[in-house]
Amino acid sequence: MAPSDERKQKYDFTDLYTYSQGVAVTKKGNDDIKTFADIKGKNAAETKTSNWNQTAQENGANIVSVNDFAQAVDAITSGRAEVTLNDKLAVLDYLKQKPDAEVQISAKSEVSPAAAFPIRKGEDDLVKAVNDALAKLRKKGVLEKLSVKYFGEDVSVK
């Protein structure tokens, strides 16, 4: 979960352990979209309540409603949409599971939000224990190895 001021009012957070960014996904071979600004006027397959829907609208896309990322990919490959925005980690995981998918990452956001574990307020000993464990895993290279194994690249560093 990305720590935010609003979330910090409810939870304590551990140290950051992954970094990701938003990506624009298009049909393989579509080189029209190189930045998020390039989605202006394009049909973007997005779920109704996602922050990516809002980002797509802010960038001038026409929204094609879908229920999930798999449906967004179907909308792109069938020609109903030209793009979908999503979290890079989710897309890398999808592409690892479906290496023959006819989609590609064509643009990345400027911002790389980080994730940390949310922990109930006041559980200071637990926050410290998790932070100590994360530090050991990082030092031993375990976070990097797990990142590469599951996402195809190291997402434990910015």
N, C-alpha and C. Protein backbone atom coordinates (compact mmCIF):
# COMPACT_ATOMS: atom_id res chain seq x y z
N MET A 1 0.86 -1.17 0.00
CA MET A 1 0.00 0.00 0.00
C MET A 1 0.90 1.23 0.00
N ALA A 2 0.55 2.21 -0.80
CA ALA A 2 1.32 3.45 -0.85
C ALA A 2 0.95 4.32 0.35
N PRO A 3 1.93 4.67 1.19
CA PRO A 3 1.63 5.54 2.33
C PRO A 3 1.22 6.93 1.83
N SER A 4 0.13 7.44 2.34
CA SER A 4 -0.31 8.80 2.02
C SER A 4 -0.63 9.49 3.35
N ASP A 5 -0.75 10.80 3.33
CA ASP A 5 -1.09 11.52 4.56
C ASP A 5 -2.40 11.01 5.15
N GLU A 6 -3.37 10.76 4.28
CA GLU A 6 -4.67 10.26 4.73
C GLU A 6 -4.53 8.87 5.36
N ARG A 7 -3.79 8.00 4.72
CA ARG A 7 -3.61 6.64 5.25
C ARG A 7 -2.78 6.63 6.53
N LYS A 8 -1.84 7.56 6.64
CA LYS A 8 -0.99 7.63 7.84
C LYS A 8 -1.79 8.05 9.07
N GLN A 9 -2.95 8.65 8.87
CA GLN A 9 -3.81 8.99 10.01
C GLN A 9 -4.43 7.73 10.61
N LYS A 10 -4.57 6.70 9.79
CA LYS A 10 -5.22 5.47 10.24
C LYS A 10 -4.21 4.36 10.57
N TYR A 11 -3.09 4.33 9.84
CA TYR A 11 -2.11 3.25 10.00
C TYR A 11 -0.71 3.80 10.23
N ASP A 12 0.12 2.97 10.85
CA ASP A 12 1.56 3.18 10.82
C ASP A 12 2.07 2.38 9.64
N PHE A 13 3.20 2.77 9.08
CA PHE A 13 3.75 2.07 7.92
C PHE A 13 5.17 1.63 8.17
N THR A 14 5.51 0.51 7.56
CA THR A 14 6.89 0.02 7.60
C THR A 14 7.72 0.83 6.61
N ASP A 15 9.00 0.48 6.53
CA ASP A 15 9.85 1.06 5.51
C ASP A 15 9.32 0.63 4.14
N LEU A 16 9.67 1.39 3.13
CA LEU A 16 9.24 1.07 1.77
C LEU A 16 9.94 -0.19 1.28
N TYR A 17 9.23 -1.01 0.50
CA TYR A 17 9.86 -2.24 0.02
C TYR A 17 9.70 -2.47 -1.48
N THR A 18 8.78 -1.78 -2.14
CA THR A 18 8.69 -1.87 -3.60
C THR A 18 8.39 -0.49 -4.18
N TYR A 19 8.80 -0.34 -5.41
CA TYR A 19 8.53 0.89 -6.15
C TYR A 19 7.90 0.49 -7.48
N SER A 20 6.90 1.22 -7.87
CA SER A 20 6.26 0.93 -9.13
C SER A 20 5.90 2.25 -9.78
N GLN A 21 5.29 2.18 -10.91
CA GLN A 21 4.81 3.38 -11.56
C GLN A 21 3.65 3.00 -12.45
N GLY A 22 2.93 3.98 -12.86
CA GLY A 22 1.85 3.73 -13.80
C GLY A 22 2.42 3.48 -15.18
N VAL A 23 1.75 2.63 -15.93
CA VAL A 23 2.17 2.36 -17.30
C VAL A 23 0.97 2.40 -18.23
N ALA A 24 1.24 2.75 -19.47
CA ALA A 24 0.24 2.67 -20.53
C ALA A 24 0.50 1.40 -21.30
N VAL A 25 -0.53 0.59 -21.45
CA VAL A 25 -0.43 -0.68 -22.16
C VAL A 25 -1.20 -0.56 -23.47
N THR A 26 -0.55 -0.96 -24.56
CA THR A 26 -1.17 -0.90 -25.89
C THR A 26 -0.97 -2.24 -26.59
N LYS A 27 -1.62 -2.37 -27.73
CA LYS A 27 -1.43 -3.55 -28.57
C LYS A 27 0.00 -3.55 -29.09
N LYS A 28 0.60 -4.74 -29.15
CA LYS A 28 1.96 -4.85 -29.68
C LYS A 28 2.02 -4.19 -31.05
N GLY A 29 3.08 -3.41 -31.25
CA GLY A 29 3.27 -2.73 -32.52
C GLY A 29 2.66 -1.34 -32.58
N ASN A 30 1.83 -0.98 -31.60
CA ASN A 30 1.24 0.36 -31.56
C ASN A 30 2.26 1.30 -30.94
N ASP A 31 2.83 2.17 -31.74
CA ASP A 31 3.83 3.11 -31.25
C ASP A 31 3.28 4.53 -31.14
N ASP A 32 1.96 4.68 -31.16
CA ASP A 32 1.34 6.00 -31.09
C ASP A 32 1.41 6.62 -29.70
N ILE A 33 1.54 5.79 -28.67
CA ILE A 33 1.49 6.29 -27.30
C ILE A 33 2.87 6.12 -26.66
N LYS A 34 3.52 7.25 -26.41
CA LYS A 34 4.85 7.25 -25.80
C LYS A 34 4.86 7.92 -24.43
N THR A 35 3.81 8.70 -24.16
CA THR A 35 3.64 9.37 -22.87
C THR A 35 2.17 9.29 -22.49
N PHE A 36 1.86 9.56 -21.23
CA PHE A 36 0.46 9.57 -20.81
C PHE A 36 -0.33 10.64 -21.56
N ALA A 37 0.30 11.75 -21.92
CA ALA A 37 -0.39 12.82 -22.65
C ALA A 37 -0.88 12.33 -24.01
N ASP A 38 -0.22 11.32 -24.56
CA ASP A 38 -0.59 10.80 -25.88
C ASP A 38 -1.92 10.05 -25.89
N ILE A 39 -2.52 9.81 -24.71
CA ILE A 39 -3.80 9.09 -24.70
C ILE A 39 -4.99 10.02 -24.94
N LYS A 40 -4.72 11.32 -25.06
CA LYS A 40 -5.81 12.28 -25.31
C LYS A 40 -6.57 11.88 -26.58
N GLY A 41 -7.90 11.75 -26.42
CA GLY A 41 -8.75 11.38 -27.54
C GLY A 41 -8.78 9.90 -27.87
N LYS A 42 -7.98 9.10 -27.16
CA LYS A 42 -7.94 7.65 -27.39
C LYS A 42 -8.98 6.96 -26.51
N ASN A 43 -9.39 5.76 -26.89
CA ASN A 43 -10.27 4.94 -26.06
C ASN A 43 -9.41 4.16 -25.07
N ALA A 44 -9.67 4.38 -23.77
CA ALA A 44 -8.91 3.72 -22.71
C ALA A 44 -9.82 2.76 -21.96
N ALA A 45 -9.43 1.51 -21.88
CA ALA A 45 -10.19 0.49 -21.15
C ALA A 45 -9.81 0.56 -19.67
N GLU A 46 -10.77 0.96 -18.84
CA GLU A 46 -10.49 1.16 -17.41
C GLU A 46 -11.67 0.68 -16.58
N THR A 47 -11.38 0.21 -15.36
CA THR A 47 -12.45 -0.12 -14.43
C THR A 47 -13.04 1.19 -13.91
N LYS A 48 -14.32 1.16 -13.57
CA LYS A 48 -15.04 2.40 -13.21
C LYS A 48 -14.46 3.11 -11.99
N THR A 49 -14.03 2.36 -11.00
CA THR A 49 -13.64 2.98 -9.73
C THR A 49 -12.14 3.10 -9.52
N SER A 50 -11.34 2.76 -10.50
CA SER A 50 -9.89 2.78 -10.28
C SER A 50 -9.31 4.18 -10.41
N ASN A 51 -8.19 4.39 -9.74
CA ASN A 51 -7.49 5.66 -9.89
C ASN A 51 -6.95 5.81 -11.31
N TRP A 52 -6.75 4.69 -12.01
CA TRP A 52 -6.27 4.76 -13.41
C TRP A 52 -7.36 5.31 -14.32
N ASN A 53 -8.61 5.04 -14.01
CA ASN A 53 -9.73 5.62 -14.75
C ASN A 53 -9.65 7.15 -14.65
N GLN A 54 -9.46 7.62 -13.43
CA GLN A 54 -9.36 9.06 -13.20
C GLN A 54 -8.15 9.64 -13.95
N THR A 55 -7.02 8.96 -13.89
CA THR A 55 -5.82 9.43 -14.59
C THR A 55 -6.05 9.48 -16.09
N ALA A 56 -6.72 8.46 -16.62
CA ALA A 56 -7.02 8.44 -18.05
C ALA A 56 -7.92 9.61 -18.43
N GLN A 57 -8.94 9.87 -17.61
CA GLN A 57 -9.83 11.00 -17.89
C GLN A 57 -9.08 12.33 -17.81
N GLU A 58 -8.21 12.46 -16.80
CA GLU A 58 -7.43 13.69 -16.66
C GLU A 58 -6.53 13.94 -17.87
N ASN A 59 -6.15 12.86 -18.54
CA ASN A 59 -5.30 12.97 -19.73
C ASN A 59 -6.11 13.01 -21.02
N GLY A 60 -7.43 13.13 -20.91
CA GLY A 60 -8.28 13.34 -22.07
C GLY A 60 -8.73 12.10 -22.82
N ALA A 61 -8.62 10.93 -22.19
CA ALA A 61 -9.05 9.69 -22.85
C ALA A 61 -10.56 9.51 -22.76
N ASN A 62 -11.10 8.78 -23.71
CA ASN A 62 -12.50 8.34 -23.67
C ASN A 62 -12.51 6.98 -22.98
N ILE A 63 -13.34 6.83 -21.95
CA ILE A 63 -13.32 5.61 -21.14
C ILE A 63 -14.21 4.52 -21.73
N VAL A 64 -13.63 3.34 -21.87
CA VAL A 64 -14.35 2.12 -22.21
C VAL A 64 -14.36 1.30 -20.92
N SER A 65 -15.53 1.12 -20.31
CA SER A 65 -15.61 0.45 -19.01
C SER A 65 -15.37 -1.05 -19.13
N VAL A 66 -14.52 -1.56 -18.23
CA VAL A 66 -14.23 -2.99 -18.13
C VAL A 66 -14.26 -3.36 -16.65
N ASN A 67 -14.29 -4.67 -16.37
CA ASN A 67 -14.33 -5.13 -14.98
C ASN A 67 -12.96 -5.39 -14.38
N ASP A 68 -11.96 -5.67 -15.22
CA ASP A 68 -10.64 -5.99 -14.69
C ASP A 68 -9.59 -5.84 -15.79
N PHE A 69 -8.33 -6.08 -15.42
CA PHE A 69 -7.24 -5.89 -16.37
C PHE A 69 -7.33 -6.86 -17.55
N ALA A 70 -7.73 -8.09 -17.29
CA ALA A 70 -7.85 -9.07 -18.39
C ALA A 70 -8.86 -8.58 -19.43
N GLN A 71 -9.97 -8.01 -18.97
CA GLN A 71 -10.94 -7.45 -19.92
C GLN A 71 -10.37 -6.24 -20.65
N ALA A 72 -9.53 -5.47 -19.97
CA ALA A 72 -8.89 -4.32 -20.62
C ALA A 72 -7.98 -4.81 -21.75
N VAL A 73 -7.23 -5.88 -21.49
CA VAL A 73 -6.37 -6.45 -22.53
C VAL A 73 -7.23 -6.94 -23.70
N ASP A 74 -8.34 -7.61 -23.39
CA ASP A 74 -9.25 -8.07 -24.46
C ASP A 74 -9.77 -6.89 -25.28
N ALA A 75 -10.11 -5.80 -24.61
CA ALA A 75 -10.61 -4.62 -25.32
C ALA A 75 -9.54 -4.04 -26.24
N ILE A 76 -8.30 -4.08 -25.81
CA ILE A 76 -7.20 -3.58 -26.64
C ILE A 76 -6.97 -4.49 -27.84
N THR A 77 -6.87 -5.78 -27.57
CA THR A 77 -6.55 -6.71 -28.67
C THR A 77 -7.70 -6.83 -29.68
N SER A 78 -8.93 -6.56 -29.23
CA SER A 78 -10.07 -6.63 -30.15
C SER A 78 -10.31 -5.31 -30.88
N GLY A 79 -9.61 -4.25 -30.46
CA GLY A 79 -9.76 -2.96 -31.12
C GLY A 79 -10.81 -2.04 -30.51
N ARG A 80 -11.48 -2.48 -29.42
CA ARG A 80 -12.47 -1.60 -28.77
C ARG A 80 -11.80 -0.47 -28.01
N ALA A 81 -10.54 -0.68 -27.62
CA ALA A 81 -9.77 0.35 -26.91
C ALA A 81 -8.34 0.34 -27.46
N GLU A 82 -7.67 1.45 -27.29
CA GLU A 82 -6.29 1.55 -27.75
C GLU A 82 -5.27 1.46 -26.63
N VAL A 83 -5.74 1.66 -25.39
CA VAL A 83 -4.81 1.75 -24.27
C VAL A 83 -5.53 1.40 -22.97
N THR A 84 -4.76 0.99 -21.99
CA THR A 84 -5.23 0.92 -20.62
C THR A 84 -4.08 1.38 -19.74
N LEU A 85 -4.41 2.06 -18.66
CA LEU A 85 -3.41 2.48 -17.68
C LEU A 85 -3.53 1.55 -16.48
N ASN A 86 -2.38 1.20 -15.91
CA ASN A 86 -2.40 0.33 -14.74
C ASN A 86 -1.07 0.42 -14.03
N ASP A 87 -0.97 -0.25 -12.90
CA ASP A 87 0.26 -0.31 -12.13
C ASP A 87 1.26 -1.23 -12.83
N LYS A 88 2.49 -0.80 -12.90
CA LYS A 88 3.53 -1.57 -13.59
C LYS A 88 3.67 -2.98 -13.02
N LEU A 89 3.60 -3.12 -11.69
CA LEU A 89 3.74 -4.45 -11.08
C LEU A 89 2.63 -5.39 -11.54
N ALA A 90 1.41 -4.88 -11.59
CA ALA A 90 0.29 -5.72 -12.04
C ALA A 90 0.48 -6.13 -13.49
N VAL A 91 0.96 -5.21 -14.31
CA VAL A 91 1.16 -5.52 -15.73
C VAL A 91 2.31 -6.51 -15.91
N LEU A 92 3.41 -6.31 -15.19
CA LEU A 92 4.54 -7.25 -15.28
C LEU A 92 4.11 -8.65 -14.86
N ASP A 93 3.30 -8.73 -13.79
CA ASP A 93 2.81 -10.03 -13.34
C ASP A 93 1.94 -10.67 -14.42
N TYR A 94 1.05 -9.91 -15.02
CA TYR A 94 0.19 -10.41 -16.09
C TYR A 94 1.03 -10.93 -17.26
N LEU A 95 2.02 -10.14 -17.68
CA LEU A 95 2.85 -10.54 -18.82
C LEU A 95 3.72 -11.75 -18.49
N LYS A 96 4.09 -11.90 -17.22
CA LYS A 96 4.86 -13.09 -16.83
C LYS A 96 3.96 -14.33 -16.92
N GLN A 97 2.69 -14.17 -16.53
CA GLN A 97 1.74 -15.29 -16.58
C GLN A 97 1.29 -15.59 -18.01
N LYS A 98 1.27 -14.55 -18.84
CA LYS A 98 0.79 -14.68 -20.23
C LYS A 98 1.81 -14.06 -21.18
N PRO A 99 2.96 -14.72 -21.34
CA PRO A 99 4.02 -14.13 -22.17
C PRO A 99 3.65 -13.96 -23.64
N ASP A 100 2.62 -14.64 -24.10
CA ASP A 100 2.19 -14.51 -25.50
C ASP A 100 1.13 -13.43 -25.69
N ALA A 101 0.81 -12.70 -24.63
CA ALA A 101 -0.21 -11.64 -24.73
C ALA A 101 0.22 -10.64 -25.80
N GLU A 102 -0.74 -10.20 -26.57
CA GLU A 102 -0.46 -9.29 -27.70
C GLU A 102 -0.48 -7.82 -27.27
N VAL A 103 0.06 -7.55 -26.08
CA VAL A 103 0.13 -6.18 -25.58
C VAL A 103 1.55 -5.86 -25.13
N GLN A 104 1.81 -4.56 -25.00
CA GLN A 104 3.14 -4.09 -24.61
C GLN A 104 3.00 -2.88 -23.69
N ILE A 105 4.02 -2.65 -22.89
CA ILE A 105 4.10 -1.40 -22.13
C ILE A 105 4.67 -0.36 -23.09
N SER A 106 3.92 0.71 -23.31
CA SER A 106 4.36 1.70 -24.28
C SER A 106 4.74 3.04 -23.66
N ALA A 107 4.34 3.28 -22.41
CA ALA A 107 4.70 4.52 -21.74
C ALA A 107 4.71 4.28 -20.24
N LYS A 108 5.52 5.06 -19.53
CA LYS A 108 5.59 4.98 -18.07
C LYS A 108 5.35 6.36 -17.49
N SER A 109 4.73 6.39 -16.32
CA SER A 109 4.48 7.66 -15.65
C SER A 109 5.78 8.23 -15.12
N GLU A 110 5.75 9.51 -14.84
CA GLU A 110 6.93 10.19 -14.28
C GLU A 110 7.14 9.80 -12.82
N VAL A 111 6.07 9.49 -12.13
CA VAL A 111 6.10 9.22 -10.70
C VAL A 111 6.24 7.72 -10.44
N SER A 112 7.03 7.36 -9.42
CA SER A 112 7.19 5.96 -9.03
C SER A 112 6.74 5.79 -7.58
N PRO A 113 5.44 5.59 -7.35
CA PRO A 113 4.98 5.42 -5.97
C PRO A 113 5.60 4.18 -5.32
N ALA A 114 5.76 4.26 -4.02
CA ALA A 114 6.36 3.17 -3.27
C ALA A 114 5.30 2.49 -2.42
N ALA A 115 5.58 1.25 -2.02
CA ALA A 115 4.66 0.51 -1.17
C ALA A 115 5.33 0.15 0.15
N ALA A 116 4.51 0.13 1.18
CA ALA A 116 4.94 -0.27 2.52
C ALA A 116 3.81 -1.09 3.12
N PHE A 117 4.12 -1.81 4.18
CA PHE A 117 3.08 -2.58 4.86
C PHE A 117 2.34 -1.67 5.84
N PRO A 118 1.00 -1.62 5.77
CA PRO A 118 0.25 -0.85 6.77
C PRO A 118 0.08 -1.70 8.02
N ILE A 119 0.27 -1.07 9.16
CA ILE A 119 0.14 -1.78 10.44
C ILE A 119 -0.72 -0.92 11.37
N ARG A 120 -1.56 -1.58 12.14
CA ARG A 120 -2.45 -0.87 13.06
C ARG A 120 -1.64 0.10 13.94
N LYS A 121 -2.18 1.29 14.12
CA LYS A 121 -1.53 2.31 14.94
C LYS A 121 -1.18 1.75 16.32
N GLY A 122 -0.01 2.11 16.80
CA GLY A 122 0.42 1.72 18.14
C GLY A 122 1.18 0.41 18.22
N GLU A 123 1.29 -0.30 17.13
CA GLU A 123 2.01 -1.58 17.11
C GLU A 123 3.49 -1.33 16.76
N ASP A 124 4.14 -0.50 17.57
CA ASP A 124 5.51 -0.08 17.29
C ASP A 124 6.50 -1.24 17.22
N ASP A 125 6.33 -2.23 18.10
CA ASP A 125 7.23 -3.38 18.08
C ASP A 125 7.10 -4.16 16.77
N LEU A 126 5.89 -4.28 16.27
CA LEU A 126 5.67 -4.99 15.01
C LEU A 126 6.28 -4.21 13.84
N VAL A 127 6.10 -2.90 13.83
CA VAL A 127 6.70 -2.07 12.78
C VAL A 127 8.21 -2.27 12.78
N LYS A 128 8.82 -2.23 13.97
CA LYS A 128 10.28 -2.40 14.08
C LYS A 128 10.70 -3.78 13.60
N ALA A 129 9.96 -4.82 13.99
CA ALA A 129 10.30 -6.19 13.58
C ALA A 129 10.23 -6.34 12.06
N VAL A 130 9.19 -5.80 11.46
CA VAL A 130 9.06 -5.89 10.00
C VAL A 130 10.16 -5.09 9.32
N ASN A 131 10.45 -3.90 9.84
CA ASN A 131 11.54 -3.09 9.26
C ASN A 131 12.88 -3.81 9.37
N ASP A 132 13.14 -4.45 10.51
CA ASP A 132 14.39 -5.21 10.67
C ASP A 132 14.46 -6.35 9.66
N ALA A 133 13.33 -7.05 9.49
CA ALA A 133 13.29 -8.17 8.53
C ALA A 133 13.50 -7.66 7.10
N LEU A 134 12.86 -6.55 6.75
CA LEU A 134 13.04 -5.98 5.41
C LEU A 134 14.49 -5.58 5.17
N ALA A 135 15.11 -4.99 6.18
CA ALA A 135 16.52 -4.58 6.05
C ALA A 135 17.42 -5.79 5.81
N LYS A 136 17.17 -6.87 6.54
CA LYS A 136 17.97 -8.09 6.35
C LYS A 136 17.74 -8.67 4.95
N LEU A 137 16.49 -8.73 4.53
CA LEU A 137 16.18 -9.27 3.20
C LEU A 137 16.81 -8.42 2.09
N ARG A 138 16.79 -7.11 2.29
CA ARG A 138 17.39 -6.21 1.29
C ARG A 138 18.91 -6.43 1.25
N LYS A 139 19.53 -6.48 2.43
CA LYS A 139 20.99 -6.62 2.52
C LYS A 139 21.46 -7.94 1.90
N LYS A 140 20.70 -9.00 2.10
CA LYS A 140 21.06 -10.32 1.56
C LYS A 140 20.68 -10.49 0.09
N GLY A 141 20.02 -9.49 -0.48
CA GLY A 141 19.63 -9.56 -1.89
C GLY A 141 18.36 -10.34 -2.15
N VAL A 142 17.65 -10.70 -1.09
CA VAL A 142 16.44 -11.51 -1.25
C VAL A 142 15.32 -10.71 -1.92
N LEU A 143 15.16 -9.44 -1.54
CA LEU A 143 14.11 -8.64 -2.17
C LEU A 143 14.35 -8.51 -3.67
N GLU A 144 15.60 -8.30 -4.04
CA GLU A 144 15.93 -8.21 -5.47
C GLU A 144 15.63 -9.52 -6.19
N LYS A 145 16.05 -10.64 -5.59
CA LYS A 145 15.82 -11.95 -6.22
C LYS A 145 14.34 -12.25 -6.38
N LEU A 146 13.55 -11.95 -5.35
CA LEU A 146 12.11 -12.18 -5.43
C LEU A 146 11.48 -11.28 -6.49
N SER A 147 11.94 -10.04 -6.56
CA SER A 147 11.43 -9.11 -7.58
C SER A 147 11.66 -9.65 -8.97
N VAL A 148 12.88 -10.08 -9.22
CA VAL A 148 13.22 -10.58 -10.55
C VAL A 148 12.44 -11.86 -10.85
N LYS A 149 12.33 -12.74 -9.84
CA LYS A 149 11.61 -13.99 -10.04
C LYS A 149 10.14 -13.76 -10.41
N TYR A 150 9.48 -12.86 -9.69
CA TYR A 150 8.04 -12.69 -9.88
C TYR A 150 7.64 -11.58 -10.85
N PHE A 151 8.53 -10.60 -11.08
CA PHE A 151 8.17 -9.48 -11.95
C PHE A 151 9.10 -9.31 -13.14
N GLY A 152 10.19 -10.06 -13.17
CA GLY A 152 11.11 -9.97 -14.30
C GLY A 152 12.09 -8.82 -14.20
N GLU A 153 12.02 -8.05 -13.13
CA GLU A 153 12.97 -6.96 -12.89
C GLU A 153 12.95 -6.59 -11.42
N ASP A 154 13.98 -5.87 -10.98
CA ASP A 154 14.09 -5.50 -9.57
C ASP A 154 13.17 -4.32 -9.27
N VAL A 155 12.12 -4.56 -8.52
CA VAL A 155 11.20 -3.50 -8.14
C VAL A 155 11.39 -3.10 -6.68
N SER A 156 12.50 -3.56 -6.08
CA SER A 156 12.77 -3.22 -4.68
C SER A 156 13.60 -1.94 -4.56
N VAL A 157 13.97 -1.37 -5.69
CA VAL A 157 14.72 -0.10 -5.70
C VAL A 157 14.01 0.88 -6.61
N LYS A 158 14.22 2.16 -6.33
CA LYS A 158 13.56 3.20 -7.12
C LYS A 158 14.19 3.32 -8.49
